[in-house]
PDB file of N, CA and C in Angstrom:
ATOM      1  N   UNK A   1      31.377  23.335 -17.371  1.00  0.00           N
ATOM      2  CA  UNK A   1      30.203  22.426 -17.417  1.00  0.00           C
ATOM      3  C   UNK A   1      30.434  21.158 -16.613  1.00  0.00           C
ATOM      4  N   UNK A   2      31.697  20.686 -16.714  1.00  0.00           N
ATOM      5  CA  UNK A   2      32.017  19.473 -15.918  1.00  0.00           C
ATOM      6  C   UNK A   2      31.977  19.737 -14.422  1.00  0.00           C
ATOM      7  N   UNK A   3      32.334  21.005 -14.032  1.00  0.00           N
ATOM      8  CA  UNK A   3      32.285  21.349 -12.625  1.00  0.00           C
ATOM      9  C   UNK A   3      30.772  21.438 -12.070  1.00  0.00           C
ATOM     10  N   UNK A   4      29.933  21.916 -12.870  1.00  0.00           N
ATOM     11  CA  UNK A   4      28.602  21.924 -12.531  1.00  0.00           C
ATOM     12  C   UNK A   4      27.948  20.461 -12.447  1.00  0.00           C
ATOM     13  N   UNK A   5      28.256  19.714 -13.379  1.00  0.00           N
ATOM     14  CA  UNK A   5      27.815  18.316 -13.291  1.00  0.00           C
ATOM     15  C   UNK A   5      28.387  17.458 -12.129  1.00  0.00           C
ATOM     16  N   UNK A   6      29.577  17.740 -11.881  1.00  0.00           N
ATOM     17  CA  UNK A   6      30.246  17.178 -10.669  1.00  0.00           C
ATOM     18  C   UNK A   6      29.624  17.654  -9.322  1.00  0.00           C
ATOM     19  N   UNK A   7      29.343  18.923  -9.209  1.00  0.00           N
ATOM     20  CA  UNK A   7      28.716  19.443  -8.031  1.00  0.00           C
ATOM     21  C   UNK A   7      27.300  18.847  -7.872  1.00  0.00           C
ATOM     22  N   UNK A   8      26.525  18.782  -9.015  1.00  0.00           N
ATOM     23  CA  UNK A   8      25.178  18.191  -9.010  1.00  0.00           C
ATOM     24  C   UNK A   8      25.241  16.714  -8.665  1.00  0.00           C
ATOM     25  N   UNK A   9      26.186  15.939  -9.109  1.00  0.00           N
ATOM     26  CA  UNK A   9      26.242  14.537  -8.778  1.00  0.00           C
ATOM     27  C   UNK A   9      26.595  14.453  -7.337  1.00  0.00           C
ATOM     28  N   UNK A  10      27.524  15.231  -6.888  1.00  0.00           N
ATOM     29  CA  UNK A  10      27.929  15.102  -5.355  1.00  0.00           C
ATOM     30  C   UNK A  10      26.654  15.528  -4.542  1.00  0.00           C
ATOM     31  N   UNK A  11      25.940  16.452  -4.888  1.00  0.00           N
ATOM     32  CA  UNK A  11      24.802  16.952  -4.183  1.00  0.00           C
ATOM     33  C   UNK A  11      23.692  15.799  -4.078  1.00  0.00           C
ATOM     34  N   UNK A  12      23.505  15.096  -5.203  1.00  0.00           N
ATOM     35  CA  UNK A  12      22.576  14.000  -5.269  1.00  0.00           C
ATOM     36  C   UNK A  12      23.001  12.821  -4.331  1.00  0.00           C
ATOM     37  N   UNK A  13      24.256  12.450  -4.427  1.00  0.00           N
ATOM     38  CA  UNK A  13      24.872  11.527  -3.673  1.00  0.00           C
ATOM     39  C   UNK A  13      24.679  11.808  -2.070  1.00  0.00           C
ATOM     40  N   UNK A  14      25.102  13.046  -1.742  1.00  0.00           N
ATOM     41  CA  UNK A  14      24.898  13.461  -0.283  1.00  0.00           C
ATOM     42  C   UNK A  14      23.497  13.410   0.152  1.00  0.00           C
ATOM     43  N   UNK A  15      22.539  13.770  -0.768  1.00  0.00           N
ATOM     44  CA  UNK A  15      21.045  13.778  -0.399  1.00  0.00           C
ATOM     45  C   UNK A  15      20.654  12.248  -0.141  1.00  0.00           C
ATOM     46  N   UNK A  16      21.171  11.292  -0.885  1.00  0.00           N
ATOM     47  CA  UNK A  16      20.650   9.942  -0.706  1.00  0.00           C
ATOM     48  C   UNK A  16      21.313   9.287   0.545  1.00  0.00           C
ATOM     49  N   UNK A  17      22.614   9.788   0.918  1.00  0.00           N
ATOM     50  CA  UNK A  17      23.292   9.258   2.072  1.00  0.00           C
ATOM     51  C   UNK A  17      22.537   9.839   3.357  1.00  0.00           C
ATOM     52  N   UNK A  18      22.191  11.065   3.325  1.00  0.00           N
ATOM     53  CA  UNK A  18      21.609  11.748   4.464  1.00  0.00           C
ATOM     54  C   UNK A  18      20.096  11.706   4.568  1.00  0.00           C
ATOM     55  N   UNK A  19      19.464  10.656   3.895  1.00  0.00           N
ATOM     56  CA  UNK A  19      18.053  10.597   3.926  1.00  0.00           C
ATOM     57  C   UNK A  19      17.623  10.190   5.264  1.00  0.00           C
ATOM     58  N   UNK A  20      16.474  10.757   5.726  1.00  0.00           N
ATOM     59  CA  UNK A  20      16.012  10.514   7.098  1.00  0.00           C
ATOM     60  C   UNK A  20      15.262   9.179   7.373  1.00  0.00           C
ATOM     61  N   UNK A  21      15.363   8.637   8.505  1.00  0.00           N
ATOM     62  CA  UNK A  21      14.656   7.408   8.831  1.00  0.00           C
ATOM     63  C   UNK A  21      13.318   7.812   9.453  1.00  0.00           C
ATOM     64  N   UNK A  22      12.328   7.236   8.918  1.00  0.00           N
ATOM     65  CA  UNK A  22      10.951   7.484   9.521  1.00  0.00           C
ATOM     66  C   UNK A  22      10.426   6.240  10.117  1.00  0.00           C
ATOM     67  N   UNK A  23      10.024   6.211  11.259  1.00  0.00           N
ATOM     68  CA  UNK A  23       9.399   4.971  11.980  1.00  0.00           C
ATOM     69  C   UNK A  23       8.025   4.723  11.408  1.00  0.00           C
ATOM     70  N   UNK A  24       7.583   3.515  11.330  1.00  0.00           N
ATOM     71  CA  UNK A  24       6.282   3.147  10.743  1.00  0.00           C
ATOM     72  C   UNK A  24       5.122   3.644  11.726  1.00  0.00           C
ATOM     73  N   UNK A  25       3.964   3.951  11.134  1.00  0.00           N
ATOM     74  CA  UNK A  25       2.719   4.215  11.857  1.00  0.00           C
ATOM     75  C   UNK A  25       1.955   2.852  11.692  1.00  0.00           C
ATOM     76  N   UNK A  26       1.567   2.344  12.886  1.00  0.00           N
ATOM     77  CA  UNK A  26       0.914   1.043  12.845  1.00  0.00           C
ATOM     78  C   UNK A  26      -0.446   1.129  13.502  1.00  0.00           C
ATOM     79  N   UNK A  27      -1.418   0.567  12.736  1.00  0.00           N
ATOM     80  CA  UNK A  27      -2.764   0.460  13.310  1.00  0.00           C
ATOM     81  C   UNK A  27      -3.293  -0.990  13.175  1.00  0.00           C
ATOM     82  N   UNK A  28      -3.853  -1.473  14.265  1.00  0.00           N
ATOM     83  CA  UNK A  28      -4.401  -2.804  14.197  1.00  0.00           C
ATOM     84  C   UNK A  28      -5.935  -2.694  14.543  1.00  0.00           C
ATOM     85  N   UNK A  29      -6.796  -3.133  13.628  1.00  0.00           N
ATOM     86  CA  UNK A  29      -8.261  -2.883  13.741  1.00  0.00           C
ATOM     87  C   UNK A  29      -8.935  -3.958  13.137  1.00  0.00           C
ATOM     88  N   UNK A  30     -10.226  -4.153  13.405  1.00  0.00           N
ATOM     89  CA  UNK A  30     -11.049  -5.230  12.762  1.00  0.00           C
ATOM     90  C   UNK A  30     -11.830  -4.590  11.547  1.00  0.00           C
ATOM     91  N   UNK A  31     -12.077  -5.331  10.606  1.00  0.00           N
ATOM     92  CA  UNK A  31     -12.708  -4.901   9.369  1.00  0.00           C
ATOM     93  C   UNK A  31     -14.221  -4.514   9.738  1.00  0.00           C
ATOM     94  N   UNK A  32     -14.859  -5.171  10.495  1.00  0.00           N
ATOM     95  CA  UNK A  32     -16.260  -4.944  10.925  1.00  0.00           C
ATOM     96  C   UNK A  32     -16.346  -4.873  12.386  1.00  0.00           C
ATOM     97  N   UNK A  33     -17.373  -4.321  12.892  1.00  0.00           N
ATOM     98  CA  UNK A  33     -17.704  -4.337  14.405  1.00  0.00           C
ATOM     99  C   UNK A  33     -17.845  -5.809  14.722  1.00  0.00           C
ATOM    100  N   UNK A  34     -17.158  -6.249  15.921  1.00  0.00           N
ATOM    101  CA  UNK A  34     -17.082  -7.534  16.398  1.00  0.00           C
ATOM    102  C   UNK A  34     -18.419  -7.994  17.125  1.00  0.00           C
ATOM    103  N   UNK A  35     -18.749  -9.262  16.908  1.00  0.00           N
ATOM    104  CA  UNK A  35     -19.736  -9.960  17.667  1.00  0.00           C
ATOM    105  C   UNK A  35     -19.162 -11.098  18.336  1.00  0.00           C
ATOM    106  N   UNK A  36     -19.415 -11.274  19.634  1.00  0.00           N
ATOM    107  CA  UNK A  36     -18.761 -12.387  20.323  1.00  0.00           C
ATOM    108  C   UNK A  36     -19.124 -13.752  19.656  1.00  0.00           C
ATOM    109  N   UNK A  37     -18.036 -14.623  19.471  1.00  0.00           N
ATOM    110  CA  UNK A  37     -18.266 -15.878  18.896  1.00  0.00           C
ATOM    111  C   UNK A  37     -18.323 -15.959  17.340  1.00  0.00           C
ATOM    112  N   UNK A  38     -18.332 -14.869  16.724  1.00  0.00           N
ATOM    113  CA  UNK A  38     -18.288 -14.743  15.238  1.00  0.00           C
ATOM    114  C   UNK A  38     -16.890 -14.368  14.745  1.00  0.00           C
ATOM    115  N   UNK A  39     -16.607 -14.935  13.529  1.00  0.00           N
ATOM    116  CA  UNK A  39     -15.335 -14.651  12.986  1.00  0.00           C
ATOM    117  C   UNK A  39     -15.312 -13.193  12.381  1.00  0.00           C
ATOM    118  N   UNK A  40     -14.171 -12.661  12.362  1.00  0.00           N
ATOM    119  CA  UNK A  40     -13.964 -11.337  11.822  1.00  0.00           C
ATOM    120  C   UNK A  40     -12.565 -11.326  11.318  1.00  0.00           C
ATOM    121  N   UNK A  41     -12.197 -10.228  10.484  1.00  0.00           N
ATOM    122  CA  UNK A  41     -10.891 -10.017   9.905  1.00  0.00           C
ATOM    123  C   UNK A  41     -10.237  -8.857  10.591  1.00  0.00           C
ATOM    124  N   UNK A  42      -8.959  -9.179  11.014  1.00  0.00           N
ATOM    125  CA  UNK A  42      -8.091  -8.081  11.624  1.00  0.00           C
ATOM    126  C   UNK A  42      -7.203  -7.580  10.561  1.00  0.00           C
ATOM    127  N   UNK A  43      -6.969  -6.262  10.656  1.00  0.00           N
ATOM    128  CA  UNK A  43      -6.110  -5.697   9.674  1.00  0.00           C
ATOM    129  C   UNK A  43      -4.904  -4.969  10.461  1.00  0.00           C
ATOM    130  N   UNK A  44      -3.688  -5.280   9.979  1.00  0.00           N
ATOM    131  CA  UNK A  44      -2.475  -4.544  10.565  1.00  0.00           C
ATOM    132  C   UNK A  44      -2.032  -3.629   9.466  1.00  0.00           C
ATOM    133  N   UNK A  45      -2.278  -2.414   9.533  1.00  0.00           N
ATOM    134  CA  UNK A  45      -1.935  -1.379   8.572  1.00  0.00           C
ATOM    135  C   UNK A  45      -0.660  -0.712   9.075  1.00  0.00           C
ATOM    136  N   UNK A  46       0.343  -0.794   8.149  1.00  0.00           N
ATOM    137  CA  UNK A  46       1.607  -0.169   8.374  1.00  0.00           C
ATOM    138  C   UNK A  46       1.963   0.842   7.368  1.00  0.00           C
ATOM    139  N   UNK A  47       2.263   2.103   7.651  1.00  0.00           N
ATOM    140  CA  UNK A  47       2.516   3.135   6.684  1.00  0.00           C
ATOM    141  C   UNK A  47       3.549   4.121   7.189  1.00  0.00           C
ATOM    142  N   UNK A  48       4.058   4.974   6.244  1.00  0.00           N
ATOM    143  CA  UNK A  48       4.832   6.115   6.590  1.00  0.00           C
ATOM    144  C   UNK A  48       6.291   5.834   6.998  1.00  0.00           C
ATOM    145  N   UNK A  49       6.893   4.678   6.644  1.00  0.00           N
ATOM    146  CA  UNK A  49       8.207   4.326   7.057  1.00  0.00           C
ATOM    147  C   UNK A  49       9.110   4.593   5.954  1.00  0.00           C
ATOM    148  N   UNK A  50      10.370   4.723   6.369  1.00  0.00           N
ATOM    149  CA  UNK A  50      11.521   4.854   5.440  1.00  0.00           C
ATOM    150  C   UNK A  50      12.799   4.590   6.127  1.00  0.00           C
ATOM    151  N   UNK A  51      13.708   3.810   5.643  1.00  0.00           N
ATOM    152  CA  UNK A  51      13.747   3.098   4.420  1.00  0.00           C
ATOM    153  C   UNK A  51      12.861   1.874   4.462  1.00  0.00           C
ATOM    154  N   UNK A  52      12.567   1.249   3.296  1.00  0.00           N
ATOM    155  CA  UNK A  52      11.616   0.156   3.174  1.00  0.00           C
ATOM    156  C   UNK A  52      12.137  -1.204   3.747  1.00  0.00           C
ATOM    157  N   UNK A  53      12.975  -1.157   4.763  1.00  0.00           N
ATOM    158  CA  UNK A  53      13.450  -2.425   5.283  1.00  0.00           C
ATOM    159  C   UNK A  53      12.514  -2.739   6.535  1.00  0.00           C
ATOM    160  N   UNK A  54      11.515  -3.664   6.293  1.00  0.00           N
ATOM    161  CA  UNK A  54      10.519  -3.807   7.252  1.00  0.00           C
ATOM    162  C   UNK A  54      10.090  -5.336   7.199  1.00  0.00           C
ATOM    163  N   UNK A  55       9.637  -5.884   8.290  1.00  0.00           N
ATOM    164  CA  UNK A  55       9.033  -7.166   8.255  1.00  0.00           C
ATOM    165  C   UNK A  55       7.680  -7.097   9.255  1.00  0.00           C
ATOM    166  N   UNK A  56       6.646  -7.838   8.922  1.00  0.00           N
ATOM    167  CA  UNK A  56       5.388  -7.735   9.652  1.00  0.00           C
ATOM    168  C   UNK A  56       4.973  -9.142   9.960  1.00  0.00           C
ATOM    169  N   UNK A  57       4.634  -9.510  11.181  1.00  0.00           N
ATOM    170  CA  UNK A  57       4.182 -10.837  11.648  1.00  0.00           C
ATOM    171  C   UNK A  57       2.798 -10.623  12.300  1.00  0.00           C
ATOM    172  N   UNK A  58       1.866 -11.447  11.865  1.00  0.00           N
ATOM    173  CA  UNK A  58       0.630 -11.451  12.555  1.00  0.00           C
ATOM    174  C   UNK A  58       0.628 -12.702  13.611  1.00  0.00           C
ATOM    175  N   UNK A  59       0.272 -12.409  14.873  1.00  0.00           N
ATOM    176  CA  UNK A  59       0.356 -13.470  15.881  1.00  0.00           C
ATOM    177  C   UNK A  59      -0.942 -13.627  16.554  1.00  0.00           C
ATOM    178  N   UNK A  60      -1.137 -14.903  17.019  1.00  0.00           N
ATOM    179  CA  UNK A  60      -2.316 -15.201  17.823  1.00  0.00           C
ATOM    180  C   UNK A  60      -1.849 -16.205  18.937  1.00  0.00           C
ATOM    181  N   UNK A  61      -1.820 -15.637  20.118  1.00  0.00           N
ATOM    182  CA  UNK A  61      -1.317 -16.478  21.255  1.00  0.00           C
ATOM    183  C   UNK A  61      -2.179 -16.028  22.477  1.00  0.00           C
ATOM    184  N   UNK A  62      -3.395 -16.336  22.484  1.00  0.00           N
ATOM    185  CA  UNK A  62      -4.371 -15.899  23.540  1.00  0.00           C
ATOM    186  C   UNK A  62      -4.687 -14.385  23.329  1.00  0.00           C
ATOM    187  N   UNK A  63      -4.071 -13.716  22.485  1.00  0.00           N
ATOM    188  CA  UNK A  63      -4.338 -12.296  22.076  1.00  0.00           C
ATOM    189  C   UNK A  63      -3.854 -12.045  20.625  1.00  0.00           C
ATOM    190  N   UNK A  64      -4.540 -11.192  19.919  1.00  0.00           N
ATOM    191  CA  UNK A  64      -4.177 -10.918  18.535  1.00  0.00           C
ATOM    192  C   UNK A  64      -3.239  -9.769  18.505  1.00  0.00           C
ATOM    193  N   UNK A  65      -2.165  -9.922  17.831  1.00  0.00           N
ATOM    194  CA  UNK A  65      -1.223  -8.853  17.729  1.00  0.00           C
ATOM    195  C   UNK A  65      -0.499  -8.798  16.431  1.00  0.00           C
ATOM    196  N   UNK A  66       0.268  -7.698  16.243  1.00  0.00           N
ATOM    197  CA  UNK A  66       1.069  -7.517  14.944  1.00  0.00           C
ATOM    198  C   UNK A  66       2.441  -7.105  15.342  1.00  0.00           C
ATOM    199  N   UNK A  67       3.455  -7.864  14.983  1.00  0.00           N
ATOM    200  CA  UNK A  67       4.830  -7.560  15.378  1.00  0.00           C
ATOM    201  C   UNK A  67       5.473  -6.821  14.117  1.00  0.00           C
ATOM    202  N   UNK A  68       6.057  -5.743  14.339  1.00  0.00           N
ATOM    203  CA  UNK A  68       6.654  -5.028  13.222  1.00  0.00           C
ATOM    204  C   UNK A  68       8.126  -4.742  13.464  1.00  0.00           C
ATOM    205  N   UNK A  69       8.976  -5.066  12.571  1.00  0.00           N
ATOM    206  CA  UNK A  69      10.387  -4.812  12.654  1.00  0.00           C
ATOM    207  C   UNK A  69      10.855  -3.888  11.604  1.00  0.00           C
ATOM    208  N   UNK A  70      11.273  -2.684  12.005  1.00  0.00           N
ATOM    209  CA  UNK A  70      11.726  -1.668  11.036  1.00  0.00           C
ATOM    210  C   UNK A  70      13.201  -1.361  11.327  1.00  0.00           C
ATOM    211  N   UNK A  71      14.110  -1.658  10.455  1.00  0.00           N
ATOM    212  CA  UNK A  71      15.486  -1.617  10.639  1.00  0.00           C
ATOM    213  C   UNK A  71      15.827  -2.476  11.937  1.00  0.00           C
ATOM    214  N   UNK A  72      16.328  -1.895  12.935  1.00  0.00           N
ATOM    215  CA  UNK A  72      16.636  -2.782  14.070  1.00  0.00           C
ATOM    216  C   UNK A  72      15.591  -2.652  15.244  1.00  0.00           C
ATOM    217  N   UNK A  73      14.561  -1.906  14.998  1.00  0.00           N
ATOM    218  CA  UNK A  73      13.547  -1.700  16.039  1.00  0.00           C
ATOM    219  C   UNK A  73      12.402  -2.750  15.891  1.00  0.00           C
ATOM    220  N   UNK A  74      12.037  -3.441  16.990  1.00  0.00           N
ATOM    221  CA  UNK A  74      11.040  -4.372  17.007  1.00  0.00           C
ATOM    222  C   UNK A  74       9.881  -3.926  18.025  1.00  0.00           C
ATOM    223  N   UNK A  75       8.700  -3.898  17.552  1.00  0.00           N
ATOM    224  CA  UNK A  75       7.639  -3.497  18.521  1.00  0.00           C
ATOM    225  C   UNK A  75       6.328  -4.365  18.194  1.00  0.00           C
ATOM    226  N   UNK A  76       5.672  -4.716  19.302  1.00  0.00           N
ATOM    227  CA  UNK A  76       4.398  -5.483  19.062  1.00  0.00           C
ATOM    228  C   UNK A  76       3.274  -4.602  19.323  1.00  0.00           C
ATOM    229  N   UNK A  77       2.190  -4.731  18.537  1.00  0.00           N
ATOM    230  CA  UNK A  77       0.901  -3.898  18.677  1.00  0.00           C
ATOM    231  C   UNK A  77      -0.194  -4.866  18.822  1.00  0.00           C
ATOM    232  N   UNK A  78      -0.913  -4.653  19.974  1.00  0.00           N
ATOM    233  CA  UNK A  78      -1.970  -5.622  20.369  1.00  0.00           C
ATOM    234  C   UNK A  78      -3.347  -5.010  19.993  1.00  0.00           C
ATOM    235  N   UNK A  79      -4.213  -5.873  19.447  1.00  0.00           N
ATOM    236  CA  UNK A  79      -5.560  -5.595  19.143  1.00  0.00           C
ATOM    237  C   UNK A  79      -6.417  -5.596  20.446  1.00  0.00           C
ATOM    238  N   UNK A  80      -7.190  -4.601  20.778  1.00  0.00           N
ATOM    239  CA  UNK A  80      -8.018  -4.538  21.890  1.00  0.00           C
ATOM    240  C   UNK A  80      -9.449  -4.570  21.412  1.00  0.00           C
ATOM    241  N   UNK A  81     -10.167  -5.538  21.850  1.00  0.00           N
ATOM    242  CA  UNK A  81     -11.601  -5.663  21.485  1.00  0.00           C
ATOM    243  C   UNK A  81     -12.411  -4.692  22.164  1.00  0.00           C
ATOM    244  N   UNK A  82     -13.451  -4.157  21.561  1.00  0.00           N
ATOM    245  CA  UNK A  82     -14.345  -3.095  22.081  1.00  0.00           C
ATOM    246  C   UNK A  82     -15.665  -3.689  22.636  1.00  0.00           C
ATOM    247  N   UNK A  83     -15.595  -4.855  23.213  1.00  0.00           N
ATOM    248  CA  UNK A  83     -16.793  -5.388  23.651  1.00  0.00           C
ATOM    249  C   UNK A  83     -16.994  -5.291  25.097  1.00  0.00           C
TER     250      UNK A  83
END
């Protein structure tokens, strides 16, 4: 019985060590269709990442963007207006 429990514990430990890294899926979009000169809400939706070591920054410097850091990877996603 001890051997079976030891093998099971070792298997669980190995599974957690070997878990895969999944990069985030990022979407930047507006809540409503935009009208020139009117306020709108931008959404930076980040999903599907593992492990949960992530930071998200919303930026406005002449263009609206969302900077996402997952583990050691940093990428900036820019919102493109459809007008």
